[in-house]
Amino acid sequence: MSVKFKLSTSANKKSVDRVLETLADRGLEAQQLFPTQKRPSLARMYVIRSPQANVTAVQRVLEECGTDAEYVEASVDRKPL
């Protein structure tokens, strides 16, 4: 399962780093969804691709760290037509 989340552009770099470190400490490696993006609104989008990832755990970390998250969502299972 993968979990996507977006951090507010008002969150400072220190807060973002703390969130990413806390997630990594819990075995959830977050990567930027658009790593080469310069626009802050897209650069703050992250994805965790891990079987252990779940929305509740990620949301808890975001709340613990006090970072403003704009959204947290699970991946959508798509079925071929």
N, C-alpha and C. Protein backbone atom coordinates (compact mmCIF):
# COMPACT_ATOMS: atom_id res chain seq x y z
N MET A 1 0.84 -1.18 0.00
CA MET A 1 0.00 0.00 0.00
C MET A 1 0.89 1.24 0.00
N SER A 2 0.40 2.29 -0.57
CA SER A 2 1.12 3.55 -0.51
C SER A 2 0.22 4.61 0.11
N VAL A 3 0.86 5.56 0.75
CA VAL A 3 0.16 6.67 1.39
C VAL A 3 0.75 7.96 0.86
N LYS A 4 -0.09 8.87 0.43
CA LYS A 4 0.35 10.18 -0.04
C LYS A 4 -0.04 11.22 1.00
N PHE A 5 0.83 12.21 1.15
CA PHE A 5 0.48 13.33 2.03
C PHE A 5 1.15 14.59 1.53
N LYS A 6 0.56 15.69 1.91
CA LYS A 6 1.09 16.99 1.51
C LYS A 6 1.22 17.86 2.75
N LEU A 7 2.39 18.45 2.89
CA LEU A 7 2.65 19.36 4.00
C LEU A 7 2.44 20.79 3.52
N SER A 8 1.97 21.61 4.40
CA SER A 8 1.71 23.00 4.09
C SER A 8 2.99 23.72 3.70
N THR A 9 2.88 24.65 2.78
CA THR A 9 4.05 25.44 2.40
C THR A 9 4.47 26.38 3.52
N SER A 10 3.60 26.57 4.51
CA SER A 10 3.97 27.42 5.65
C SER A 10 4.81 26.67 6.69
N ALA A 11 4.89 25.34 6.57
CA ALA A 11 5.74 24.57 7.49
C ALA A 11 7.20 24.82 7.12
N ASN A 12 8.02 25.13 8.13
CA ASN A 12 9.43 25.43 7.83
C ASN A 12 10.22 24.15 7.57
N LYS A 13 11.42 24.31 7.04
CA LYS A 13 12.26 23.16 6.66
C LYS A 13 12.56 22.27 7.85
N LYS A 14 12.78 22.85 9.01
CA LYS A 14 13.08 22.07 10.21
C LYS A 14 11.90 21.15 10.57
N SER A 15 10.69 21.66 10.46
CA SER A 15 9.50 20.85 10.75
C SER A 15 9.35 19.72 9.74
N VAL A 16 9.58 20.01 8.49
CA VAL A 16 9.48 19.00 7.45
C VAL A 16 10.51 17.90 7.69
N ASP A 17 11.75 18.30 7.99
CA ASP A 17 12.81 17.32 8.26
C ASP A 17 12.46 16.45 9.47
N ARG A 18 11.87 17.05 10.49
CA ARG A 18 11.50 16.30 11.68
C ARG A 18 10.43 15.26 11.35
N VAL A 19 9.46 15.62 10.53
CA VAL A 19 8.42 14.68 10.12
C VAL A 19 9.03 13.51 9.36
N LEU A 20 9.90 13.81 8.39
CA LEU A 20 10.51 12.77 7.58
C LEU A 20 11.38 11.84 8.43
N GLU A 21 12.10 12.40 9.40
CA GLU A 21 12.93 11.59 10.29
C GLU A 21 12.07 10.70 11.19
N THR A 22 11.00 11.25 11.71
CA THR A 22 10.11 10.48 12.59
C THR A 22 9.47 9.33 11.82
N LEU A 23 9.04 9.60 10.60
CA LEU A 23 8.48 8.53 9.77
C LEU A 23 9.54 7.46 9.50
N ALA A 24 10.75 7.87 9.18
CA ALA A 24 11.83 6.91 8.91
C ALA A 24 12.15 6.07 10.15
N ASP A 25 12.12 6.69 11.33
CA ASP A 25 12.35 5.95 12.57
C ASP A 25 11.30 4.87 12.78
N ARG A 26 10.13 5.06 12.22
CA ARG A 26 9.04 4.08 12.36
C ARG A 26 8.96 3.14 11.16
N GLY A 27 10.00 3.18 10.33
CA GLY A 27 10.07 2.27 9.19
C GLY A 27 9.27 2.72 7.98
N LEU A 28 8.91 3.99 7.92
CA LEU A 28 8.12 4.53 6.81
C LEU A 28 8.94 5.56 6.07
N GLU A 29 9.54 5.16 4.98
CA GLU A 29 10.41 6.03 4.19
C GLU A 29 9.59 6.88 3.23
N ALA A 30 9.53 8.17 3.47
CA ALA A 30 8.78 9.09 2.63
C ALA A 30 9.70 9.70 1.58
N GLN A 31 9.19 9.78 0.36
CA GLN A 31 9.93 10.38 -0.75
C GLN A 31 9.06 11.45 -1.39
N GLN A 32 9.72 12.45 -1.92
CA GLN A 32 8.96 13.50 -2.62
C GLN A 32 8.28 12.89 -3.84
N LEU A 33 7.04 13.26 -4.04
CA LEU A 33 6.29 12.77 -5.19
C LEU A 33 6.84 13.38 -6.48
N PHE A 34 7.26 14.64 -6.40
CA PHE A 34 7.86 15.34 -7.54
C PHE A 34 9.21 15.90 -7.11
N PRO A 35 10.26 15.08 -7.12
CA PRO A 35 11.56 15.50 -6.55
C PRO A 35 12.25 16.67 -7.25
N THR A 36 11.98 16.90 -8.51
CA THR A 36 12.65 18.00 -9.22
C THR A 36 11.81 19.26 -9.29
N GLN A 37 10.66 19.23 -8.66
CA GLN A 37 9.74 20.37 -8.73
C GLN A 37 10.24 21.55 -7.90
N LYS A 38 10.16 22.74 -8.45
CA LYS A 38 10.58 23.96 -7.76
C LYS A 38 9.41 24.67 -7.09
N ARG A 39 8.21 24.45 -7.59
CA ARG A 39 7.05 25.11 -7.00
C ARG A 39 6.77 24.51 -5.62
N PRO A 40 6.70 25.33 -4.59
CA PRO A 40 6.51 24.82 -3.23
C PRO A 40 5.28 23.95 -3.05
N SER A 41 4.20 24.28 -3.74
CA SER A 41 2.96 23.51 -3.57
C SER A 41 3.12 22.06 -4.04
N LEU A 42 3.95 21.82 -5.03
CA LEU A 42 4.19 20.46 -5.51
C LEU A 42 5.38 19.81 -4.82
N ALA A 43 6.34 20.60 -4.42
CA ALA A 43 7.53 20.06 -3.75
C ALA A 43 7.22 19.50 -2.37
N ARG A 44 6.11 19.90 -1.78
CA ARG A 44 5.75 19.42 -0.44
C ARG A 44 4.83 18.20 -0.46
N MET A 45 4.71 17.57 -1.62
CA MET A 45 3.91 16.34 -1.73
C MET A 45 4.83 15.14 -1.59
N TYR A 46 4.44 14.19 -0.73
CA TYR A 46 5.26 13.03 -0.44
C TYR A 46 4.46 11.75 -0.61
N VAL A 47 5.19 10.64 -0.80
CA VAL A 47 4.56 9.33 -0.90
C VAL A 47 5.40 8.33 -0.10
N ILE A 48 4.70 7.42 0.56
CA ILE A 48 5.35 6.32 1.27
C ILE A 48 4.88 5.05 0.58
N ARG A 49 5.82 4.30 0.01
CA ARG A 49 5.49 3.05 -0.66
C ARG A 49 6.01 1.91 0.19
N SER A 50 5.12 1.33 0.97
CA SER A 50 5.51 0.28 1.89
C SER A 50 4.29 -0.55 2.28
N PRO A 51 4.45 -1.85 2.43
CA PRO A 51 3.31 -2.66 2.88
C PRO A 51 2.84 -2.27 4.28
N GLN A 52 3.73 -1.71 5.10
CA GLN A 52 3.38 -1.32 6.46
C GLN A 52 2.71 0.05 6.54
N ALA A 53 2.70 0.78 5.46
CA ALA A 53 2.15 2.14 5.47
C ALA A 53 0.64 2.11 5.60
N ASN A 54 0.14 2.95 6.49
CA ASN A 54 -1.30 3.14 6.57
C ASN A 54 -1.58 4.59 6.94
N VAL A 55 -2.74 5.05 6.54
CA VAL A 55 -3.10 6.45 6.70
C VAL A 55 -3.10 6.86 8.17
N THR A 56 -3.60 6.01 9.03
CA THR A 56 -3.71 6.35 10.45
C THR A 56 -2.34 6.59 11.07
N ALA A 57 -1.36 5.73 10.77
CA ALA A 57 -0.02 5.89 11.32
C ALA A 57 0.64 7.17 10.83
N VAL A 58 0.50 7.47 9.56
CA VAL A 58 1.09 8.68 9.00
C VAL A 58 0.42 9.91 9.59
N GLN A 59 -0.88 9.87 9.71
CA GLN A 59 -1.61 11.01 10.27
C GLN A 59 -1.19 11.25 11.72
N ARG A 60 -0.98 10.19 12.49
CA ARG A 60 -0.53 10.33 13.87
C ARG A 60 0.81 11.03 13.95
N VAL A 61 1.75 10.65 13.08
CA VAL A 61 3.07 11.28 13.07
C VAL A 61 2.94 12.77 12.73
N LEU A 62 2.13 13.10 11.74
CA LEU A 62 1.95 14.50 11.36
C LEU A 62 1.37 15.31 12.52
N GLU A 63 0.43 14.72 13.24
CA GLU A 63 -0.16 15.42 14.38
C GLU A 63 0.84 15.56 15.53
N GLU A 64 1.63 14.51 15.78
CA GLU A 64 2.65 14.55 16.84
C GLU A 64 3.68 15.64 16.58
N CYS A 65 4.07 15.76 15.33
CA CYS A 65 5.11 16.72 14.97
C CYS A 65 4.57 18.14 14.85
N GLY A 66 3.27 18.30 14.88
CA GLY A 66 2.68 19.62 14.83
C GLY A 66 2.80 20.30 13.48
N THR A 67 3.01 19.53 12.44
CA THR A 67 3.14 20.09 11.10
C THR A 67 1.76 20.18 10.45
N ASP A 68 1.50 21.27 9.79
CA ASP A 68 0.23 21.43 9.10
C ASP A 68 0.21 20.56 7.85
N ALA A 69 -0.64 19.55 7.88
CA ALA A 69 -0.81 18.70 6.72
C ALA A 69 -2.05 19.13 5.98
N GLU A 70 -1.94 19.22 4.68
CA GLU A 70 -3.11 19.60 3.89
C GLU A 70 -3.98 18.38 3.62
N TYR A 71 -3.35 17.21 3.42
CA TYR A 71 -4.12 15.98 3.28
C TYR A 71 -3.22 14.76 3.51
N VAL A 72 -3.87 13.65 3.83
CA VAL A 72 -3.24 12.34 3.94
C VAL A 72 -4.24 11.37 3.32
N GLU A 73 -3.77 10.57 2.35
CA GLU A 73 -4.69 9.65 1.70
C GLU A 73 -4.00 8.36 1.30
N ALA A 74 -4.76 7.28 1.28
CA ALA A 74 -4.25 5.99 0.85
C ALA A 74 -4.34 5.88 -0.67
N SER A 75 -3.58 4.98 -1.22
CA SER A 75 -3.65 4.77 -2.66
C SER A 75 -4.99 4.13 -3.03
N VAL A 76 -5.37 4.32 -4.23
CA VAL A 76 -6.63 3.78 -4.72
C VAL A 76 -6.33 2.52 -5.51
N ASP A 77 -7.03 1.44 -5.20
CA ASP A 77 -6.88 0.21 -5.98
C ASP A 77 -7.66 0.37 -7.27
N ARG A 78 -6.97 0.17 -8.36
CA ARG A 78 -7.62 0.32 -9.67
C ARG A 78 -7.69 -1.03 -10.33
N LYS A 79 -8.80 -1.28 -10.96
CA LYS A 79 -9.01 -2.54 -11.66
C LYS A 79 -9.00 -2.29 -13.16
N PRO A 80 -8.28 -3.12 -13.89
CA PRO A 80 -8.28 -2.94 -15.35
C PRO A 80 -9.66 -3.22 -15.94
N LEU A 81 -9.97 -2.55 -17.02
CA LEU A 81 -11.27 -2.74 -17.68
C LEU A 81 -11.26 -3.97 -18.55
